[in-house]
Amino acid sequence: MSIEPNARRRLRLVYATTRDPELLNDLRQVLEEDPMSFVPSADLLRDIALCDACAKHAPRPARAGLCEDHRARWNLEACMADAEDGGEAASLQRLVRALLASPDGGVQLLSAFDRQRRALRLVWEAHARGAVRLPESIADTVERACASGPRFLTGGSRSAVQQAS
C-alpha cells in the first residue's frame, strides 16, 4: 500500500501534461514506460558473468545484486547512454534560457567552461602519462572533447573570461 492513493494514475496525468524534458524522463523511468531500456555492453555483461560476487545473485532484474564495481560500471554506461539519447538538446535549451535570463551569465558560462576545459586537459594528460587508467570509451570521449573546443580559445594564452571582458 502506498502513502498516496492512486499515485500511479496521478503520475501518469503529470506525465501526460508536462513539457519539462527532465521530468518526462524521470517519470518515464518511474512508470517504466521507457521505450528502449538500457542494455549494458557485452564486455560488462561478460565481466558480470565471470564475477564471483555477482554470480551468487545470478537471476537478477537489471542491476540488483551486482558487486560495487560492476554496479558503478553499469551506472556509468547507463548515464553515457542517456547522454546520447537526445538529452543534449533539452540541456542546451535550459542552458540558453538560463544564460539569457542572467545579466552576467555569459561571463559565468565562459569562466566555468574555461575551468572545465583545463580540468579535462589535466585528466587527459594524466591518462596519457599512465597515472590514471580510463576505460577506452571514456578516454576516446575525453580526447575528442579536448580536441574540439571552440577555435577562439585555442589560439592565445588568454582565458575565456579575459576574452569575454
C-alpha atoms as a PDB file:
ATOM      1  CA  MET A   1       0.000   0.000   0.000  1.00  0.00           C
ATOM      2  CA  SER A   2       1.370   3.409  -0.876  1.00  0.00           C
ATOM      3  CA  ILE A   3       1.007   6.610   1.085  1.00  0.00           C
ATOM      4  CA  GLU A   4      -0.535   8.442  -1.849  1.00  0.00           C
ATOM      5  CA  PRO A   5      -3.786   6.908  -3.106  1.00  0.00           C
ATOM      6  CA  ASN A   6      -3.773   6.365  -6.885  1.00  0.00           C
ATOM      7  CA  ALA A   7      -0.171   7.562  -7.118  1.00  0.00           C
ATOM      8  CA  ARG A   8       0.460   5.784 -10.401  1.00  0.00           C
ATOM      9  CA  ARG A   9      -2.623   7.351 -12.016  1.00  0.00           C
ATOM     10  CA  ARG A  10      -1.616  10.812 -10.794  1.00  0.00           C
ATOM     11  CA  LEU A  11       1.930  10.374 -12.063  1.00  0.00           C
ATOM     12  CA  ARG A  12       0.548   9.323 -15.455  1.00  0.00           C
ATOM     13  CA  LEU A  13      -1.510  12.532 -15.537  1.00  0.00           C
ATOM     14  CA  VAL A  14       1.559  14.617 -14.754  1.00  0.00           C
ATOM     15  CA  TYR A  15       3.500  12.674 -17.382  1.00  0.00           C
ATOM     16  CA  ALA A  16       0.793  13.328 -19.976  1.00  0.00           C
ATOM     17  CA  THR A  17       0.667  17.087 -19.310  1.00  0.00           C
ATOM     18  CA  THR A  18       4.216  18.211 -18.537  1.00  0.00           C
ATOM     19  CA  ARG A  19       6.556  19.807 -21.066  1.00  0.00           C
ATOM     20  CA  ASP A  20       9.662  19.584 -18.844  1.00  0.00           C
ATOM     21  CA  PRO A  21      12.065  17.135 -20.563  1.00  0.00           C
ATOM     22  CA  GLU A  22      13.817  16.160 -17.326  1.00  0.00           C
ATOM     23  CA  LEU A  23      10.535  15.456 -15.563  1.00  0.00           C
ATOM     24  CA  LEU A  24       9.331  13.460 -18.590  1.00  0.00           C
ATOM     25  CA  ASN A  25      12.477  11.338 -18.492  1.00  0.00           C
ATOM     26  CA  ASP A  26      12.202  10.760 -14.736  1.00  0.00           C
ATOM     27  CA  LEU A  27       8.515   9.872 -14.927  1.00  0.00           C
ATOM     28  CA  ARG A  28       9.107   7.596 -17.913  1.00  0.00           C
ATOM     29  CA  GLN A  29      11.654   5.669 -15.843  1.00  0.00           C
ATOM     30  CA  VAL A  30       9.462   5.580 -12.733  1.00  0.00           C
ATOM     31  CA  LEU A  31       6.427   4.469 -14.681  1.00  0.00           C
ATOM     32  CA  GLU A  32       8.585   2.018 -16.641  1.00  0.00           C
ATOM     33  CA  GLU A  33       7.408   3.400 -19.928  1.00  0.00           C
ATOM     34  CA  ASP A  34      10.867   3.904 -21.321  1.00  0.00           C
ATOM     35  CA  PRO A  35      10.541   2.874 -24.977  1.00  0.00           C
ATOM     36  CA  MET A  36      14.035   1.356 -25.094  1.00  0.00           C
ATOM     37  CA  SER A  37      15.539   0.164 -21.865  1.00  0.00           C
ATOM     38  CA  PHE A  38      19.254   0.328 -21.241  1.00  0.00           C
ATOM     39  CA  VAL A  39      21.337  -2.642 -22.377  1.00  0.00           C
ATOM     40  CA  PRO A  40      24.859  -2.823 -20.937  1.00  0.00           C
ATOM     41  CA  SER A  41      27.871  -3.507 -23.131  1.00  0.00           C
ATOM     42  CA  ALA A  42      28.917  -7.053 -23.947  1.00  0.00           C
ATOM     43  CA  ASP A  43      32.158  -6.535 -22.011  1.00  0.00           C
ATOM     44  CA  LEU A  44      30.280  -5.544 -18.875  1.00  0.00           C
ATOM     45  CA  LEU A  45      27.864  -8.468 -19.192  1.00  0.00           C
ATOM     46  CA  ARG A  46      30.802 -10.855 -19.620  1.00  0.00           C
ATOM     47  CA  ASP A  47      32.615  -9.403 -16.599  1.00  0.00           C
ATOM     48  CA  ILE A  48      29.442  -9.712 -14.501  1.00  0.00           C
ATOM     49  CA  ALA A  49      29.009 -13.335 -15.557  1.00  0.00           C
ATOM     50  CA  LEU A  50      32.616 -14.112 -14.538  1.00  0.00           C
ATOM     51  CA  CYS A  51      32.436 -12.227 -11.219  1.00  0.00           C
ATOM     52  CA  ASP A  52      32.058 -14.458  -8.130  1.00  0.00           C
ATOM     53  CA  ALA A  53      30.349 -11.708  -6.116  1.00  0.00           C
ATOM     54  CA  CYS A  54      27.780 -11.067  -8.848  1.00  0.00           C
ATOM     55  CA  ALA A  55      27.308 -14.762  -9.687  1.00  0.00           C
ATOM     56  CA  LYS A  56      25.753 -15.575  -6.314  1.00  0.00           C
ATOM     57  CA  HIS A  57      22.822 -13.299  -7.277  1.00  0.00           C
ATOM     58  CA  ALA A  58      22.529 -14.849 -10.761  1.00  0.00           C
ATOM     59  CA  PRO A  59      18.826 -14.360 -11.567  1.00  0.00           C
ATOM     60  CA  ARG A  60      18.666 -10.579 -11.210  1.00  0.00           C
ATOM     61  CA  PRO A  61      16.415  -7.885 -12.581  1.00  0.00           C
ATOM     62  CA  ALA A  62      18.623  -5.160 -14.056  1.00  0.00           C
ATOM     63  CA  ARG A  63      21.481  -4.172 -11.735  1.00  0.00           C
ATOM     64  CA  ALA A  64      20.161  -5.551  -8.458  1.00  0.00           C
ATOM     65  CA  GLY A  65      22.682  -7.856  -6.788  1.00  0.00           C
ATOM     66  CA  LEU A  66      25.756  -6.566  -8.605  1.00  0.00           C
ATOM     67  CA  CYS A  67      29.006  -6.011  -6.747  1.00  0.00           C
ATOM     68  CA  GLU A  68      30.107  -2.425  -6.153  1.00  0.00           C
ATOM     69  CA  ASP A  69      32.492  -2.294  -9.136  1.00  0.00           C
ATOM     70  CA  HIS A  70      30.035  -3.715 -11.639  1.00  0.00           C
ATOM     71  CA  ARG A  71      27.173  -1.571 -10.306  1.00  0.00           C
ATOM     72  CA  ALA A  72      29.373   1.513 -10.814  1.00  0.00           C
ATOM     73  CA  ARG A  73      30.222   0.453 -14.384  1.00  0.00           C
ATOM     74  CA  TRP A  74      26.537  -0.303 -15.065  1.00  0.00           C
ATOM     75  CA  ASN A  75      25.561   3.168 -13.803  1.00  0.00           C
ATOM     76  CA  LEU A  76      28.303   4.824 -15.863  1.00  0.00           C
ATOM     77  CA  GLU A  77      27.192   3.071 -19.051  1.00  0.00           C
ATOM     78  CA  ALA A  78      23.559   3.923 -18.331  1.00  0.00           C
ATOM     79  CA  CYS A  79      24.446   7.603 -17.849  1.00  0.00           C
ATOM     80  CA  MET A  80      26.506   7.652 -21.026  1.00  0.00           C
ATOM     81  CA  ALA A  81      23.582   6.085 -22.924  1.00  0.00           C
ATOM     82  CA  ASP A  82      21.186   8.702 -21.509  1.00  0.00           C
ATOM     83  CA  ALA A  83      23.509  11.493 -22.621  1.00  0.00           C
ATOM     84  CA  GLU A  84      23.486  10.148 -26.182  1.00  0.00           C
ATOM     85  CA  ASP A  85      19.696   9.784 -26.348  1.00  0.00           C
ATOM     86  CA  GLY A  86      18.891  13.385 -27.244  1.00  0.00           C
ATOM     87  CA  GLY A  87      19.040  14.811 -23.754  1.00  0.00           C
ATOM     88  CA  GLU A  88      21.619  17.237 -25.077  1.00  0.00           C
ATOM     89  CA  ALA A  89      19.006  19.306 -26.926  1.00  0.00           C
ATOM     90  CA  ALA A  90      16.920  19.795 -23.790  1.00  0.00           C
ATOM     91  CA  SER A  91      20.056  20.541 -21.800  1.00  0.00           C
ATOM     92  CA  LEU A  92      21.135  23.189 -24.316  1.00  0.00           C
ATOM     93  CA  GLN A  93      17.689  24.776 -24.261  1.00  0.00           C
ATOM     94  CA  ARG A  94      17.840  25.018 -20.467  1.00  0.00           C
ATOM     95  CA  LEU A  95      21.342  26.462 -20.661  1.00  0.00           C
ATOM     96  CA  VAL A  96      20.393  29.125 -23.210  1.00  0.00           C
ATOM     97  CA  ARG A  97      17.289  30.146 -21.226  1.00  0.00           C
ATOM     98  CA  ALA A  98      19.310  30.473 -18.020  1.00  0.00           C
ATOM     99  CA  LEU A  99      22.079  32.319 -19.868  1.00  0.00           C
ATOM    100  CA  LEU A 100      19.679  34.871 -21.346  1.00  0.00           C
ATOM    101  CA  ALA A 101      17.910  35.393 -18.020  1.00  0.00           C
ATOM    102  CA  SER A 102      21.124  36.331 -16.205  1.00  0.00           C
ATOM    103  CA  PRO A 103      22.902  39.686 -16.719  1.00  0.00           C
ATOM    104  CA  ASP A 104      26.370  38.155 -16.217  1.00  0.00           C
ATOM    105  CA  GLY A 105      25.519  34.679 -17.490  1.00  0.00           C
ATOM    106  CA  GLY A 106      27.933  34.859 -20.425  1.00  0.00           C
ATOM    107  CA  VAL A 107      30.922  35.604 -18.213  1.00  0.00           C
ATOM    108  CA  GLN A 108      29.915  32.883 -15.746  1.00  0.00           C
ATOM    109  CA  LEU A 109      29.459  30.359 -18.548  1.00  0.00           C
ATOM    110  CA  LEU A 110      32.803  31.126 -20.173  1.00  0.00           C
ATOM    111  CA  SER A 111      34.543  31.072 -16.810  1.00  0.00           C
ATOM    112  CA  ALA A 112      33.062  27.666 -15.968  1.00  0.00           C
ATOM    113  CA  PHE A 113      33.886  26.385 -19.450  1.00  0.00           C
ATOM    114  CA  ASP A 114      37.497  27.524 -19.091  1.00  0.00           C
ATOM    115  CA  ARG A 115      37.879  25.791 -15.696  1.00  0.00           C
ATOM    116  CA  GLN A 116      36.322  22.585 -17.018  1.00  0.00           C
ATOM    117  CA  ARG A 117      38.434  22.684 -20.165  1.00  0.00           C
ATOM    118  CA  ARG A 118      41.607  22.951 -18.080  1.00  0.00           C
ATOM    119  CA  ALA A 119      40.465  20.146 -15.766  1.00  0.00           C
ATOM    120  CA  LEU A 120      39.639  17.940 -18.754  1.00  0.00           C
ATOM    121  CA  ARG A 121      43.087  18.537 -20.233  1.00  0.00           C
ATOM    122  CA  LEU A 122      44.641  17.537 -16.896  1.00  0.00           C
ATOM    123  CA  VAL A 123      42.597  14.321 -16.885  1.00  0.00           C
ATOM    124  CA  TRP A 124      43.682  13.565 -20.456  1.00  0.00           C
ATOM    125  CA  GLU A 125      47.318  14.301 -19.611  1.00  0.00           C
ATOM    126  CA  ALA A 126      47.157  12.005 -16.562  1.00  0.00           C
ATOM    127  CA  HIS A 127      45.668   9.246 -18.747  1.00  0.00           C
ATOM    128  CA  ALA A 128      48.283   9.763 -21.469  1.00  0.00           C
ATOM    129  CA  ARG A 129      51.104   9.511 -18.894  1.00  0.00           C
ATOM    130  CA  GLY A 130      49.604   6.391 -17.329  1.00  0.00           C
ATOM    131  CA  ALA A 131      48.847   7.978 -13.961  1.00  0.00           C
ATOM    132  CA  VAL A 132      45.127   7.240 -14.443  1.00  0.00           C
ATOM    133  CA  ARG A 133      43.573   4.406 -16.433  1.00  0.00           C
ATOM    134  CA  LEU A 134      40.337   5.422 -18.119  1.00  0.00           C
ATOM    135  CA  PRO A 135      38.022   2.974 -19.877  1.00  0.00           C
ATOM    136  CA  GLU A 136      38.636   3.133 -23.625  1.00  0.00           C
ATOM    137  CA  SER A 137      35.268   4.713 -24.464  1.00  0.00           C
ATOM    138  CA  ILE A 138      35.766   7.410 -21.801  1.00  0.00           C
ATOM    139  CA  ALA A 139      39.340   8.052 -22.965  1.00  0.00           C
ATOM    140  CA  ASP A 140      38.095   8.497 -26.547  1.00  0.00           C
ATOM    141  CA  THR A 141      35.390  10.900 -25.382  1.00  0.00           C
ATOM    142  CA  VAL A 142      37.856  12.931 -23.293  1.00  0.00           C
ATOM    143  CA  GLU A 143      40.314  13.074 -26.186  1.00  0.00           C
ATOM    144  CA  ARG A 144      37.595  14.289 -28.589  1.00  0.00           C
ATOM    145  CA  ALA A 145      36.420  16.876 -26.060  1.00  0.00           C
ATOM    146  CA  CYS A 146      39.969  18.202 -25.624  1.00  0.00           C
ATOM    147  CA  ALA A 147      40.457  18.457 -29.370  1.00  0.00           C
ATOM    148  CA  SER A 148      37.098  20.007 -30.237  1.00  0.00           C
ATOM    149  CA  GLY A 149      36.964  23.188 -28.191  1.00  0.00           C
ATOM    150  CA  PRO A 150      35.945  26.495 -29.768  1.00  0.00           C
ATOM    151  CA  ARG A 151      38.624  27.890 -32.084  1.00  0.00           C
ATOM    152  CA  PHE A 152      38.761  31.253 -30.323  1.00  0.00           C
ATOM    153  CA  LEU A 153      40.002  29.505 -27.153  1.00  0.00           C
ATOM    154  CA  THR A 154      42.848  27.560 -28.757  1.00  0.00           C
ATOM    155  CA  GLY A 155      44.823  30.470 -30.169  1.00  0.00           C
ATOM    156  CA  GLY A 156      46.241  32.583 -27.379  1.00  0.00           C
ATOM    157  CA  SER A 157      47.091  32.197 -23.747  1.00  0.00           C
ATOM    158  CA  ARG A 158      44.257  34.419 -22.551  1.00  0.00           C
ATOM    159  CA  SER A 159      41.472  32.708 -20.637  1.00  0.00           C
ATOM    160  CA  ALA A 160      37.853  32.687 -21.750  1.00  0.00           C
ATOM    161  CA  VAL A 161      36.994  35.183 -19.029  1.00  0.00           C
ATOM    162  CA  GLN A 162      39.635  37.623 -20.267  1.00  0.00           C
ATOM    163  CA  GLN A 163      38.370  37.253 -23.831  1.00  0.00           C
ATOM    164  CA  ALA A 164      34.775  37.841 -22.759  1.00  0.00           C
ATOM    165  CA  SER A 165      35.508  41.087 -20.923  1.00  0.00           C
END
